[in-house]
Amino acid sequence: MSNTKETDDRFRWIEEMIANSPYLSSLDAIGKRNAAVLNSIAESALRFDEIVSRAMDKHGDLSDERRRDD
């Protein structure tokens, strides 16, 4: 339990340092914006992968139908 309290105290200290320092506050804001942008890029990549997978599955189905017709 003492490790948890020490960790909580450290996080509180870090949060206070960020809140009291304009420089650290601006870095924190930049970090949060960057995290949001990276999250958006990751979500878009997952959606793109899903679209490509569906297209490849559909293309594979069409190829199978063409082979049967030949």
C-alpha atoms as a PDB file:
ATOM      1  CA  MET A   1       0.000   0.000   0.000  1.00  0.00           C
ATOM      2  CA  SER A   2       2.836   2.416   0.724  1.00  0.00           C
ATOM      3  CA  ASN A   3       3.994   2.196  -2.893  1.00  0.00           C
ATOM      4  CA  THR A   4       0.562   3.292  -4.073  1.00  0.00           C
ATOM      5  CA  LYS A   5       0.565   6.271  -1.706  1.00  0.00           C
ATOM      6  CA  GLU A   6       4.082   7.245  -2.804  1.00  0.00           C
ATOM      7  CA  THR A   7       3.040   6.995  -6.444  1.00  0.00           C
ATOM      8  CA  ASP A   8      -0.089   9.070  -5.809  1.00  0.00           C
ATOM      9  CA  ASP A   9       2.008  11.693  -4.002  1.00  0.00           C
ATOM     10  CA  ARG A  10       4.439  11.838  -6.919  1.00  0.00           C
ATOM     11  CA  PHE A  11       1.615  12.275  -9.418  1.00  0.00           C
ATOM     12  CA  ARG A  12       0.100  15.049  -7.284  1.00  0.00           C
ATOM     13  CA  TRP A  13       3.499  16.746  -7.084  1.00  0.00           C
ATOM     14  CA  ILE A  14       3.922  16.508 -10.871  1.00  0.00           C
ATOM     15  CA  GLU A  15       0.417  17.889 -11.457  1.00  0.00           C
ATOM     16  CA  GLU A  16       1.176  20.811  -9.113  1.00  0.00           C
ATOM     17  CA  MET A  17       4.459  21.504 -10.909  1.00  0.00           C
ATOM     18  CA  ILE A  18       2.666  21.547 -14.261  1.00  0.00           C
ATOM     19  CA  ALA A  19      -0.111  23.791 -12.931  1.00  0.00           C
ATOM     20  CA  ASN A  20       2.382  26.276 -11.439  1.00  0.00           C
ATOM     21  CA  SER A  21       4.706  26.511 -14.434  1.00  0.00           C
ATOM     22  CA  PRO A  22       3.541  28.249 -17.624  1.00  0.00           C
ATOM     23  CA  TYR A  23       6.243  26.432 -19.602  1.00  0.00           C
ATOM     24  CA  LEU A  24       5.239  23.000 -18.312  1.00  0.00           C
ATOM     25  CA  SER A  25       1.558  23.869 -18.768  1.00  0.00           C
ATOM     26  CA  SER A  26       2.156  24.735 -22.410  1.00  0.00           C
ATOM     27  CA  LEU A  27       4.127  21.507 -22.920  1.00  0.00           C
ATOM     28  CA  ASP A  28       1.284  19.578 -21.290  1.00  0.00           C
ATOM     29  CA  ALA A  29      -1.243  21.212 -23.627  1.00  0.00           C
ATOM     30  CA  ILE A  30       0.928  20.437 -26.660  1.00  0.00           C
ATOM     31  CA  GLY A  31       1.275  16.831 -25.504  1.00  0.00           C
ATOM     32  CA  LYS A  32      -2.484  16.476 -25.119  1.00  0.00           C
ATOM     33  CA  ARG A  33      -3.082  17.906 -28.612  1.00  0.00           C
ATOM     34  CA  ASN A  34      -0.438  15.604 -30.081  1.00  0.00           C
ATOM     35  CA  ALA A  35      -2.026  12.622 -28.343  1.00  0.00           C
ATOM     36  CA  ALA A  36      -5.411  13.571 -29.796  1.00  0.00           C
ATOM     37  CA  VAL A  37      -3.931  13.870 -33.300  1.00  0.00           C
ATOM     38  CA  LEU A  38      -2.125  10.536 -33.002  1.00  0.00           C
ATOM     39  CA  ASN A  39      -5.293   8.879 -31.725  1.00  0.00           C
ATOM     40  CA  SER A  40      -7.222  10.266 -34.691  1.00  0.00           C
ATOM     41  CA  ILE A  41      -4.562   8.994 -37.113  1.00  0.00           C
ATOM     42  CA  ALA A  42      -4.654   5.542 -35.514  1.00  0.00           C
ATOM     43  CA  GLU A  43      -8.456   5.389 -35.750  1.00  0.00           C
ATOM     44  CA  SER A  44      -8.313   6.450 -39.404  1.00  0.00           C
ATOM     45  CA  ALA A  45      -5.694   3.793 -40.134  1.00  0.00           C
ATOM     46  CA  LEU A  46      -7.904   1.130 -38.559  1.00  0.00           C
ATOM     47  CA  ARG A  47     -10.901   2.276 -40.615  1.00  0.00           C
ATOM     48  CA  PHE A  48      -8.773   2.304 -43.783  1.00  0.00           C
ATOM     49  CA  ASP A  49      -7.528  -1.213 -43.014  1.00  0.00           C
ATOM     50  CA  GLU A  50     -11.106  -2.390 -42.561  1.00  0.00           C
ATOM     51  CA  ILE A  51     -12.168  -0.833 -45.878  1.00  0.00           C
ATOM     52  CA  VAL A  52      -9.210  -2.383 -47.704  1.00  0.00           C
ATOM     53  CA  SER A  53      -9.904  -5.782 -46.131  1.00  0.00           C
ATOM     54  CA  ARG A  54     -13.517  -5.640 -47.278  1.00  0.00           C
ATOM     55  CA  ALA A  55     -12.452  -4.608 -50.774  1.00  0.00           C
ATOM     56  CA  MET A  56      -9.910  -7.425 -50.933  1.00  0.00           C
ATOM     57  CA  ASP A  57     -12.532  -9.928 -49.728  1.00  0.00           C
ATOM     58  CA  LYS A  58     -14.968  -8.667 -52.356  1.00  0.00           C
ATOM     59  CA  HIS A  59     -12.285  -8.776 -55.039  1.00  0.00           C
ATOM     60  CA  GLY A  60     -11.432 -12.343 -54.021  1.00  0.00           C
ATOM     61  CA  ASP A  61     -15.107 -13.311 -54.264  1.00  0.00           C
ATOM     62  CA  LEU A  62     -15.286 -11.819 -57.765  1.00  0.00           C
ATOM     63  CA  SER A  63     -12.156 -13.714 -58.825  1.00  0.00           C
ATOM     64  CA  ASP A  64     -13.707 -16.980 -57.611  1.00  0.00           C
ATOM     65  CA  GLU A  65     -16.885 -16.264 -59.607  1.00  0.00           C
ATOM     66  CA  ARG A  66     -14.866 -15.525 -62.760  1.00  0.00           C
ATOM     67  CA  ARG A  67     -12.978 -18.808 -62.408  1.00  0.00           C
ATOM     68  CA  ARG A  68     -16.256 -20.696 -62.126  1.00  0.00           C
ATOM     69  CA  ASP A  69     -17.591 -18.950 -65.237  1.00  0.00           C
ATOM     70  CA  ASP A  70     -14.490 -19.875 -67.271  1.00  0.00           C
END
